[in-house]
N, C-alpha and C. Protein backbone atom coordinates (compact mmCIF):
# COMPACT_ATOMS: atom_id res chain seq x y z
N UNK A 1 3.55 -28.87 16.76
CA UNK A 1 4.26 -27.67 17.13
C UNK A 1 3.61 -26.48 16.42
N UNK A 2 3.26 -25.45 17.16
CA UNK A 2 2.65 -24.28 16.54
C UNK A 2 3.68 -23.17 16.38
N UNK A 3 3.48 -22.38 15.36
CA UNK A 3 4.37 -21.25 15.12
C UNK A 3 3.85 -20.04 15.87
N UNK A 4 4.72 -19.36 16.59
CA UNK A 4 4.33 -18.14 17.28
C UNK A 4 4.23 -17.02 16.26
N UNK A 5 3.10 -16.32 16.25
CA UNK A 5 2.89 -15.24 15.30
C UNK A 5 3.29 -13.91 15.92
N UNK A 6 3.86 -13.05 15.08
CA UNK A 6 4.21 -11.70 15.51
C UNK A 6 2.94 -10.88 15.57
N UNK A 7 2.72 -10.15 16.66
CA UNK A 7 1.53 -9.30 16.71
C UNK A 7 1.55 -8.29 15.56
N UNK A 8 0.39 -8.02 15.02
CA UNK A 8 0.27 -7.07 13.90
C UNK A 8 0.60 -5.67 14.38
N UNK A 9 1.50 -4.99 13.66
CA UNK A 9 1.84 -3.60 13.96
C UNK A 9 0.76 -2.70 13.39
N UNK A 10 0.12 -1.92 14.25
CA UNK A 10 -0.92 -0.98 13.82
C UNK A 10 -0.50 0.43 14.20
N UNK A 11 -0.70 1.37 13.27
CA UNK A 11 -0.37 2.77 13.52
C UNK A 11 -1.33 3.64 12.73
N UNK A 12 -2.42 4.04 13.39
CA UNK A 12 -3.45 4.85 12.72
C UNK A 12 -2.91 6.21 12.28
N UNK A 13 -1.94 6.76 13.01
CA UNK A 13 -1.35 8.04 12.60
C UNK A 13 -0.63 7.89 11.26
N UNK A 14 0.07 6.78 11.08
CA UNK A 14 0.77 6.53 9.82
C UNK A 14 -0.21 6.35 8.68
N UNK A 15 -1.23 5.53 8.88
CA UNK A 15 -2.18 5.29 7.79
C UNK A 15 -2.99 6.54 7.45
N UNK A 16 -3.15 7.45 8.40
CA UNK A 16 -3.89 8.69 8.14
C UNK A 16 -3.07 9.68 7.31
N UNK A 17 -1.78 9.47 7.17
CA UNK A 17 -0.92 10.40 6.43
C UNK A 17 -1.19 10.41 4.92
N UNK A 18 -2.00 9.48 4.44
CA UNK A 18 -2.34 9.47 3.02
C UNK A 18 -3.20 10.68 2.65
N UNK A 19 -3.88 11.23 3.63
CA UNK A 19 -4.74 12.38 3.39
C UNK A 19 -3.94 13.53 2.80
N UNK A 20 -4.33 13.97 1.61
CA UNK A 20 -3.64 15.08 0.94
C UNK A 20 -2.49 14.67 0.04
N UNK A 21 -2.14 13.39 0.03
CA UNK A 21 -1.04 12.93 -0.84
C UNK A 21 -1.54 12.67 -2.26
N UNK A 22 -0.62 12.68 -3.21
CA UNK A 22 -0.90 12.19 -4.56
C UNK A 22 -0.73 10.68 -4.55
N UNK A 23 -1.35 10.01 -5.51
CA UNK A 23 -1.21 8.57 -5.64
C UNK A 23 0.24 8.23 -6.00
N UNK A 24 0.84 7.32 -5.27
CA UNK A 24 2.22 6.92 -5.54
C UNK A 24 2.26 5.77 -6.55
N UNK A 25 1.11 5.44 -7.13
CA UNK A 25 1.07 4.46 -8.20
C UNK A 25 0.98 5.13 -9.56
N UNK A 26 0.01 6.04 -9.70
CA UNK A 26 -0.20 6.69 -11.00
C UNK A 26 -0.03 8.21 -10.96
N UNK A 27 0.13 8.79 -9.77
CA UNK A 27 0.37 10.22 -9.64
C UNK A 27 -0.86 11.10 -9.59
N UNK A 28 -2.05 10.52 -9.66
CA UNK A 28 -3.25 11.35 -9.66
C UNK A 28 -3.49 11.96 -8.27
N UNK A 29 -4.32 12.97 -8.25
CA UNK A 29 -4.69 13.65 -7.01
C UNK A 29 -6.20 13.84 -7.04
N UNK A 30 -6.93 12.74 -6.90
CA UNK A 30 -8.38 12.78 -7.09
C UNK A 30 -9.19 12.71 -5.80
N UNK A 31 -8.51 12.80 -4.65
CA UNK A 31 -9.22 12.78 -3.37
C UNK A 31 -9.58 11.40 -2.87
N UNK A 32 -9.15 10.34 -3.57
CA UNK A 32 -9.48 8.98 -3.13
C UNK A 32 -8.27 8.26 -2.53
N UNK A 33 -7.19 8.99 -2.26
CA UNK A 33 -5.94 8.37 -1.82
C UNK A 33 -6.06 7.84 -0.39
N UNK A 34 -5.71 6.57 -0.23
CA UNK A 34 -5.65 5.93 1.09
C UNK A 34 -4.37 5.10 1.15
N UNK A 35 -4.01 4.68 2.34
CA UNK A 35 -2.87 3.77 2.48
C UNK A 35 -3.34 2.35 2.21
N UNK A 36 -2.87 1.79 1.11
CA UNK A 36 -3.19 0.42 0.73
C UNK A 36 -2.13 -0.50 1.34
N UNK A 37 -2.58 -1.56 1.98
CA UNK A 37 -1.67 -2.50 2.62
C UNK A 37 -1.12 -3.51 1.60
N UNK A 38 0.09 -3.96 1.87
CA UNK A 38 0.71 -5.00 1.06
C UNK A 38 -0.13 -6.26 1.10
N UNK A 39 -0.09 -7.02 0.02
CA UNK A 39 -0.79 -8.31 -0.03
C UNK A 39 0.17 -9.48 0.16
N UNK A 40 1.39 -9.20 0.60
CA UNK A 40 2.41 -10.23 0.76
C UNK A 40 2.38 -10.83 2.17
N UNK A 41 2.46 -12.14 2.23
CA UNK A 41 2.55 -12.80 3.54
C UNK A 41 3.85 -12.41 4.25
N UNK A 42 4.86 -12.00 3.49
CA UNK A 42 6.12 -11.56 4.09
C UNK A 42 5.94 -10.29 4.92
N UNK A 43 4.86 -9.55 4.64
CA UNK A 43 4.57 -8.30 5.36
C UNK A 43 3.48 -8.48 6.40
N UNK A 44 3.15 -9.73 6.73
CA UNK A 44 2.17 -10.01 7.78
C UNK A 44 0.77 -10.28 7.28
N UNK A 45 0.55 -10.23 5.96
CA UNK A 45 -0.78 -10.49 5.40
C UNK A 45 -1.14 -11.95 5.62
N UNK A 46 -2.35 -12.17 6.07
CA UNK A 46 -2.85 -13.52 6.28
C UNK A 46 -4.32 -13.57 5.98
N UNK A 47 -4.90 -14.72 6.05
CA UNK A 47 -6.33 -14.86 5.79
C UNK A 47 -7.11 -14.03 6.80
N UNK A 48 -7.84 -13.05 6.30
CA UNK A 48 -8.63 -12.19 7.17
C UNK A 48 -7.81 -11.19 7.97
N UNK A 49 -6.54 -11.01 7.60
CA UNK A 49 -5.68 -10.10 8.36
C UNK A 49 -4.84 -9.25 7.40
N UNK A 50 -4.85 -7.94 7.61
CA UNK A 50 -4.04 -7.03 6.81
C UNK A 50 -2.58 -7.17 7.19
N UNK A 51 -1.72 -6.72 6.29
CA UNK A 51 -0.29 -6.65 6.58
C UNK A 51 -0.05 -5.58 7.65
N UNK A 52 1.12 -5.57 8.23
CA UNK A 52 1.49 -4.56 9.20
C UNK A 52 1.33 -3.17 8.58
N UNK A 53 0.96 -2.19 9.39
CA UNK A 53 0.72 -0.83 8.89
C UNK A 53 1.97 -0.15 8.34
N UNK A 54 3.15 -0.68 8.61
CA UNK A 54 4.36 -0.07 8.04
C UNK A 54 4.57 -0.48 6.58
N UNK A 55 3.79 -1.45 6.09
CA UNK A 55 3.88 -1.89 4.71
C UNK A 55 2.66 -1.39 3.94
N UNK A 56 2.65 -0.08 3.71
CA UNK A 56 1.53 0.56 3.02
C UNK A 56 2.06 1.45 1.90
N UNK A 57 1.16 1.77 0.97
CA UNK A 57 1.48 2.69 -0.12
C UNK A 57 0.26 3.59 -0.33
N UNK A 58 0.52 4.87 -0.56
CA UNK A 58 -0.56 5.83 -0.82
C UNK A 58 -1.06 5.61 -2.24
N UNK A 59 -2.27 5.06 -2.38
CA UNK A 59 -2.83 4.74 -3.69
C UNK A 59 -4.24 5.28 -3.84
N UNK A 60 -4.59 5.63 -5.08
CA UNK A 60 -5.95 6.05 -5.40
C UNK A 60 -6.84 4.80 -5.49
N UNK A 61 -8.15 5.03 -5.62
CA UNK A 61 -9.07 3.89 -5.65
C UNK A 61 -8.81 2.96 -6.84
N UNK A 62 -8.39 3.50 -8.00
CA UNK A 62 -8.14 2.64 -9.16
C UNK A 62 -6.91 1.77 -8.96
N UNK A 63 -5.80 2.36 -8.48
CA UNK A 63 -4.58 1.58 -8.25
C UNK A 63 -4.79 0.57 -7.12
N UNK A 64 -5.51 0.97 -6.10
CA UNK A 64 -5.79 0.08 -4.97
C UNK A 64 -6.64 -1.11 -5.43
N UNK A 65 -7.67 -0.85 -6.25
CA UNK A 65 -8.51 -1.93 -6.76
C UNK A 65 -7.70 -2.89 -7.63
N UNK A 66 -6.81 -2.33 -8.46
CA UNK A 66 -5.98 -3.20 -9.29
C UNK A 66 -5.07 -4.06 -8.43
N UNK A 67 -4.47 -3.46 -7.42
CA UNK A 67 -3.56 -4.21 -6.55
C UNK A 67 -4.30 -5.35 -5.86
N UNK A 68 -5.49 -5.08 -5.35
CA UNK A 68 -6.24 -6.08 -4.58
C UNK A 68 -7.02 -7.06 -5.45
N UNK A 69 -7.58 -6.57 -6.57
CA UNK A 69 -8.51 -7.40 -7.34
C UNK A 69 -8.14 -7.60 -8.80
N UNK A 70 -7.14 -6.87 -9.29
CA UNK A 70 -6.73 -7.04 -10.68
C UNK A 70 -7.55 -6.24 -11.67
N UNK A 71 -8.31 -5.26 -11.18
CA UNK A 71 -9.13 -4.45 -12.08
C UNK A 71 -8.94 -2.98 -11.74
N UNK A 72 -9.24 -2.13 -12.69
CA UNK A 72 -9.33 -0.71 -12.40
C UNK A 72 -8.13 0.13 -12.73
N UNK A 73 -6.91 -0.40 -12.77
CA UNK A 73 -5.74 0.44 -12.98
C UNK A 73 -5.81 1.09 -14.36
N UNK A 74 -5.80 2.40 -14.36
CA UNK A 74 -5.88 3.18 -15.59
C UNK A 74 -7.06 2.75 -16.46
N UNK A 75 -8.08 2.22 -15.80
CA UNK A 75 -9.32 1.80 -16.45
C UNK A 75 -9.12 0.79 -17.56
N UNK A 76 -8.08 -0.04 -17.44
CA UNK A 76 -7.83 -1.05 -18.48
C UNK A 76 -8.70 -2.28 -18.27
N UNK A 77 -8.99 -2.62 -17.00
CA UNK A 77 -9.76 -3.82 -16.74
C UNK A 77 -8.98 -5.09 -17.05
N UNK A 78 -7.69 -4.95 -17.30
CA UNK A 78 -6.85 -6.10 -17.66
C UNK A 78 -6.83 -7.10 -16.51
N UNK A 79 -7.01 -8.38 -16.81
CA UNK A 79 -7.10 -9.40 -15.79
C UNK A 79 -5.91 -10.37 -15.78
N UNK A 80 -4.93 -10.19 -16.65
CA UNK A 80 -3.85 -11.17 -16.79
C UNK A 80 -2.54 -10.71 -16.16
N UNK A 81 -2.60 -9.94 -15.08
CA UNK A 81 -1.39 -9.42 -14.45
C UNK A 81 -0.66 -10.52 -13.70
N UNK A 82 0.63 -10.53 -13.83
CA UNK A 82 1.49 -11.47 -13.13
C UNK A 82 1.64 -11.02 -11.68
N UNK A 83 1.58 -11.95 -10.71
CA UNK A 83 1.75 -11.57 -9.30
C UNK A 83 3.07 -10.85 -9.04
N UNK A 84 4.11 -11.19 -9.77
CA UNK A 84 5.40 -10.52 -9.59
C UNK A 84 5.29 -9.06 -10.02
N UNK A 85 4.52 -8.80 -11.05
CA UNK A 85 4.29 -7.44 -11.52
C UNK A 85 3.58 -6.62 -10.42
N UNK A 86 2.63 -7.24 -9.74
CA UNK A 86 1.93 -6.55 -8.65
C UNK A 86 2.87 -6.30 -7.48
N UNK A 87 3.70 -7.28 -7.15
CA UNK A 87 4.66 -7.10 -6.06
C UNK A 87 5.61 -5.93 -6.36
N UNK A 88 6.07 -5.85 -7.59
CA UNK A 88 6.98 -4.77 -7.99
C UNK A 88 6.25 -3.42 -7.95
N UNK A 89 5.01 -3.39 -8.42
CA UNK A 89 4.21 -2.17 -8.38
C UNK A 89 4.07 -1.68 -6.93
N UNK A 90 3.73 -2.61 -6.02
CA UNK A 90 3.57 -2.24 -4.62
C UNK A 90 4.89 -1.74 -4.04
N UNK A 91 5.98 -2.44 -4.33
CA UNK A 91 7.28 -2.04 -3.78
C UNK A 91 7.64 -0.63 -4.21
N UNK A 92 7.47 -0.33 -5.50
CA UNK A 92 7.78 1.02 -5.98
C UNK A 92 6.87 2.07 -5.33
N UNK A 93 5.58 1.77 -5.21
CA UNK A 93 4.63 2.70 -4.60
C UNK A 93 4.93 2.89 -3.11
N UNK A 94 5.30 1.80 -2.43
CA UNK A 94 5.67 1.87 -1.01
C UNK A 94 6.90 2.75 -0.83
N UNK A 95 7.92 2.50 -1.66
CA UNK A 95 9.15 3.29 -1.58
C UNK A 95 8.87 4.77 -1.81
N UNK A 96 8.07 5.09 -2.81
CA UNK A 96 7.72 6.47 -3.12
C UNK A 96 6.92 7.11 -1.98
N UNK A 97 6.01 6.33 -1.39
CA UNK A 97 5.22 6.82 -0.26
C UNK A 97 6.12 7.19 0.91
N UNK A 98 7.01 6.28 1.29
CA UNK A 98 7.88 6.53 2.43
C UNK A 98 8.82 7.70 2.17
N UNK A 99 9.39 7.77 0.98
CA UNK A 99 10.29 8.87 0.64
C UNK A 99 9.55 10.21 0.69
N UNK A 100 8.34 10.25 0.15
CA UNK A 100 7.54 11.48 0.17
C UNK A 100 7.23 11.89 1.62
N UNK A 101 6.86 10.94 2.46
CA UNK A 101 6.56 11.25 3.86
C UNK A 101 7.80 11.78 4.58
N UNK A 102 8.96 11.17 4.35
CA UNK A 102 10.21 11.64 4.95
C UNK A 102 10.56 13.04 4.47
N UNK A 103 10.50 13.25 3.16
CA UNK A 103 10.85 14.56 2.59
C UNK A 103 9.95 15.68 3.11
N UNK A 104 8.69 15.35 3.34
CA UNK A 104 7.73 16.36 3.79
C UNK A 104 7.67 16.48 5.32
N UNK A 105 8.57 15.77 6.02
CA UNK A 105 8.63 15.86 7.48
C UNK A 105 7.47 15.21 8.19
N UNK A 106 6.73 14.35 7.49
CA UNK A 106 5.57 13.68 8.10
C UNK A 106 5.99 12.51 8.99
N UNK A 107 7.12 11.88 8.66
CA UNK A 107 7.70 10.85 9.53
C UNK A 107 9.15 11.23 9.78
N UNK A 108 9.60 10.99 10.98
CA UNK A 108 10.98 11.30 11.36
C UNK A 108 11.37 10.49 12.57
N UNK A 109 12.64 10.46 12.83
CA UNK A 109 13.15 9.75 14.01
C UNK A 109 12.83 10.60 15.23
N UNK A 110 12.30 9.96 16.24
CA UNK A 110 11.92 10.68 17.46
C UNK A 110 13.13 11.12 18.26
């Protein structure tokens, strides 16, 4: 028996909204901010497949590298991060990203 997979939700307009935002992980505004996708399988992440575009957080290159590879956050190079710590970091950054987009009128109910 095979499991039916949900098609991946893609929204280039949403992911482009990171342009001009501050990092929702560390607060910097260094011009490297992009929408980083969740690494959780609960959000659609799979082998060779990104999570759905609605599960993103506006992060700078250092926070994004730490989230994906465990290096770079605040230039610590720390490698012993707990996966739960990363999940919580992403959740807070995602929440801040969505709240900022709502407050600034970038996303709204049609």
